[in-house]
């Protein structure tokens, strides 16, 4: 199982030390770029779920491509 945990920068070192002491836990910090990509994907999925639920209006693909 995987988890993403947000921690204050001042507490990160202490938490990483604690987690690394547990033999059944593997840790791998995210780079700022990967953290941003992960957050963007999460927001996109949330928006898609709102569109599918009819709570948000979807944009036409042609309109989106013309904007680019």
N, C-alpha and C. Protein backbone atom coordinates (compact mmCIF):
# COMPACT_ATOMS: atom_id res chain seq x y z
N UNK A 1 0.85 -1.17 0.00
CA UNK A 1 0.00 0.00 0.00
C UNK A 1 0.89 1.23 0.00
N UNK A 2 0.45 2.25 -0.69
CA UNK A 2 1.22 3.50 -0.77
C UNK A 2 0.44 4.63 -0.12
N UNK A 3 1.19 5.56 0.45
CA UNK A 3 0.61 6.74 1.07
C UNK A 3 1.37 7.97 0.61
N UNK A 4 0.67 9.08 0.54
CA UNK A 4 1.30 10.38 0.34
C UNK A 4 0.98 11.18 1.60
N UNK A 5 2.01 11.68 2.25
CA UNK A 5 1.85 12.39 3.51
C UNK A 5 2.48 13.77 3.37
N UNK A 6 1.74 14.79 3.75
CA UNK A 6 2.28 16.15 3.75
C UNK A 6 2.71 16.49 5.17
N UNK A 7 3.94 16.98 5.30
CA UNK A 7 4.52 17.28 6.60
C UNK A 7 5.21 18.63 6.52
N UNK A 8 5.14 19.39 7.62
CA UNK A 8 5.88 20.64 7.68
C UNK A 8 7.36 20.36 7.46
N UNK A 9 8.00 21.25 6.73
CA UNK A 9 9.42 21.07 6.42
C UNK A 9 10.25 20.88 7.69
N UNK A 10 9.90 21.59 8.75
CA UNK A 10 10.67 21.52 9.99
C UNK A 10 10.55 20.15 10.67
N UNK A 11 9.51 19.39 10.35
CA UNK A 11 9.30 18.08 10.97
C UNK A 11 9.64 16.92 10.05
N UNK A 12 9.98 17.19 8.81
CA UNK A 12 10.19 16.14 7.82
C UNK A 12 11.36 15.23 8.18
N UNK A 13 12.45 15.79 8.63
CA UNK A 13 13.63 14.98 8.95
C UNK A 13 13.32 13.99 10.08
N UNK A 14 12.60 14.44 11.09
CA UNK A 14 12.25 13.59 12.21
C UNK A 14 11.33 12.44 11.76
N UNK A 15 10.34 12.76 10.94
CA UNK A 15 9.42 11.75 10.47
C UNK A 15 10.13 10.74 9.58
N UNK A 16 10.99 11.20 8.69
CA UNK A 16 11.73 10.29 7.81
C UNK A 16 12.61 9.35 8.63
N UNK A 17 13.25 9.87 9.68
CA UNK A 17 14.08 9.02 10.54
C UNK A 17 13.23 7.95 11.21
N UNK A 18 12.06 8.34 11.68
CA UNK A 18 11.16 7.38 12.33
C UNK A 18 10.71 6.31 11.34
N UNK A 19 10.29 6.72 10.17
CA UNK A 19 9.82 5.76 9.17
C UNK A 19 10.95 4.85 8.69
N UNK A 20 12.14 5.37 8.54
CA UNK A 20 13.27 4.57 8.09
C UNK A 20 13.68 3.53 9.13
N UNK A 21 13.35 3.74 10.39
CA UNK A 21 13.65 2.77 11.45
C UNK A 21 12.70 1.57 11.40
N UNK A 22 11.59 1.69 10.70
CA UNK A 22 10.63 0.59 10.61
C UNK A 22 11.04 -0.32 9.46
N UNK A 23 11.29 -1.60 9.73
CA UNK A 23 11.78 -2.50 8.68
C UNK A 23 10.77 -2.78 7.57
N UNK A 24 9.51 -2.56 7.81
CA UNK A 24 8.47 -2.86 6.83
C UNK A 24 8.03 -1.63 6.04
N UNK A 25 8.73 -0.51 6.20
CA UNK A 25 8.38 0.72 5.50
C UNK A 25 9.53 1.14 4.60
N UNK A 26 9.20 1.45 3.36
CA UNK A 26 10.16 2.02 2.42
C UNK A 26 9.75 3.47 2.18
N UNK A 27 10.70 4.38 2.22
CA UNK A 27 10.38 5.79 1.99
C UNK A 27 11.12 6.29 0.76
N UNK A 28 10.48 7.21 0.08
CA UNK A 28 11.08 7.85 -1.09
C UNK A 28 10.45 9.23 -1.22
N UNK A 29 11.18 10.28 -0.86
CA UNK A 29 10.62 11.63 -0.97
C UNK A 29 10.32 11.99 -2.43
N UNK A 30 9.27 12.74 -2.63
CA UNK A 30 8.93 13.23 -3.96
C UNK A 30 9.72 14.50 -4.26
N UNK A 31 10.15 14.62 -5.50
CA UNK A 31 10.76 15.88 -5.92
C UNK A 31 9.65 16.92 -6.02
N UNK A 32 9.99 18.19 -5.94
CA UNK A 32 8.95 19.22 -6.10
C UNK A 32 8.17 19.07 -7.41
N UNK A 33 8.85 18.70 -8.48
CA UNK A 33 8.18 18.52 -9.77
C UNK A 33 7.16 17.39 -9.69
N UNK A 34 7.56 16.24 -9.14
CA UNK A 34 6.65 15.10 -9.06
C UNK A 34 5.48 15.40 -8.12
N UNK A 35 5.74 16.14 -7.06
CA UNK A 35 4.66 16.52 -6.15
C UNK A 35 3.65 17.40 -6.87
N UNK A 36 4.12 18.32 -7.70
CA UNK A 36 3.24 19.21 -8.46
C UNK A 36 2.42 18.41 -9.48
N UNK A 37 3.07 17.48 -10.18
CA UNK A 37 2.37 16.64 -11.16
C UNK A 37 1.29 15.83 -10.46
N UNK A 38 1.62 15.24 -9.32
CA UNK A 38 0.65 14.45 -8.57
C UNK A 38 -0.54 15.30 -8.13
N UNK A 39 -0.28 16.51 -7.67
CA UNK A 39 -1.36 17.41 -7.25
C UNK A 39 -2.23 17.81 -8.45
N UNK A 40 -1.61 18.08 -9.60
CA UNK A 40 -2.36 18.44 -10.80
C UNK A 40 -3.25 17.30 -11.27
N UNK A 41 -2.74 16.08 -11.21
CA UNK A 41 -3.54 14.93 -11.61
C UNK A 41 -4.72 14.75 -10.66
N UNK A 42 -4.47 14.92 -9.38
CA UNK A 42 -5.54 14.80 -8.38
C UNK A 42 -6.65 15.82 -8.67
N UNK A 43 -6.28 17.06 -8.95
CA UNK A 43 -7.26 18.10 -9.26
C UNK A 43 -8.03 17.75 -10.53
N UNK A 44 -7.34 17.21 -11.53
CA UNK A 44 -8.00 16.85 -12.79
C UNK A 44 -9.02 15.75 -12.58
N UNK A 45 -8.69 14.76 -11.78
CA UNK A 45 -9.62 13.67 -11.50
C UNK A 45 -10.84 14.19 -10.74
N UNK A 46 -10.61 15.09 -9.79
CA UNK A 46 -11.73 15.68 -9.05
C UNK A 46 -12.65 16.46 -9.98
N UNK A 47 -12.08 17.22 -10.92
CA UNK A 47 -12.89 17.96 -11.87
C UNK A 47 -13.66 17.02 -12.79
N UNK A 48 -13.01 15.96 -13.24
CA UNK A 48 -13.67 14.99 -14.10
C UNK A 48 -14.85 14.35 -13.37
N UNK A 49 -14.66 14.02 -12.11
CA UNK A 49 -15.76 13.44 -11.33
C UNK A 49 -16.92 14.41 -11.19
N UNK A 50 -16.63 15.70 -11.05
CA UNK A 50 -17.69 16.71 -10.99
C UNK A 50 -18.43 16.81 -12.31
N UNK A 51 -17.69 16.73 -13.42
CA UNK A 51 -18.32 16.77 -14.75
C UNK A 51 -19.22 15.56 -14.92
N UNK A 52 -18.72 14.39 -14.56
CA UNK A 52 -19.51 13.16 -14.71
C UNK A 52 -20.75 13.17 -13.82
N UNK A 53 -20.67 13.85 -12.68
CA UNK A 53 -21.81 13.95 -11.77
C UNK A 53 -22.78 15.06 -12.20
N UNK A 54 -22.42 15.82 -13.23
CA UNK A 54 -23.29 16.89 -13.71
C UNK A 54 -23.20 18.16 -12.90
N UNK A 55 -22.19 18.29 -12.05
CA UNK A 55 -22.05 19.47 -11.20
C UNK A 55 -21.11 20.52 -11.79
N UNK A 56 -20.49 20.18 -12.91
CA UNK A 56 -19.55 21.10 -13.57
C UNK A 56 -19.72 20.93 -15.06
N UNK A 57 -19.69 22.04 -15.77
CA UNK A 57 -19.85 22.03 -17.23
C UNK A 57 -18.52 21.71 -17.89
N UNK A 58 -18.51 20.75 -18.80
CA UNK A 58 -17.30 20.39 -19.54
C UNK A 58 -17.09 21.35 -20.70
N UNK A 59 -15.82 21.50 -21.09
CA UNK A 59 -15.50 22.33 -22.25
C UNK A 59 -15.39 21.45 -23.48
N UNK A 60 -15.72 22.02 -24.63
CA UNK A 60 -15.59 21.34 -25.90
C UNK A 60 -14.11 21.14 -26.23
N UNK A 61 -13.73 19.99 -26.76
CA UNK A 61 -12.33 19.69 -27.07
C UNK A 61 -11.77 20.66 -28.11
N UNK A 62 -12.57 21.03 -29.10
CA UNK A 62 -12.11 21.98 -30.11
C UNK A 62 -11.78 23.33 -29.48
N UNK A 63 -12.61 23.76 -28.55
CA UNK A 63 -12.37 25.03 -27.84
C UNK A 63 -11.06 24.97 -27.07
N UNK A 64 -10.82 23.85 -26.42
CA UNK A 64 -9.58 23.68 -25.66
C UNK A 64 -8.36 23.70 -26.59
N UNK A 65 -8.43 22.99 -27.69
CA UNK A 65 -7.30 22.95 -28.63
C UNK A 65 -7.05 24.31 -29.27
N UNK A 66 -8.11 25.05 -29.57
CA UNK A 66 -7.94 26.38 -30.13
C UNK A 66 -7.28 27.33 -29.15
N UNK A 67 -7.53 27.11 -27.86
CA UNK A 67 -6.92 27.95 -26.82
C UNK A 67 -5.42 27.73 -26.74
N UNK A 68 -4.99 26.50 -27.01
CA UNK A 68 -3.55 26.18 -26.96
C UNK A 68 -2.86 26.81 -28.13
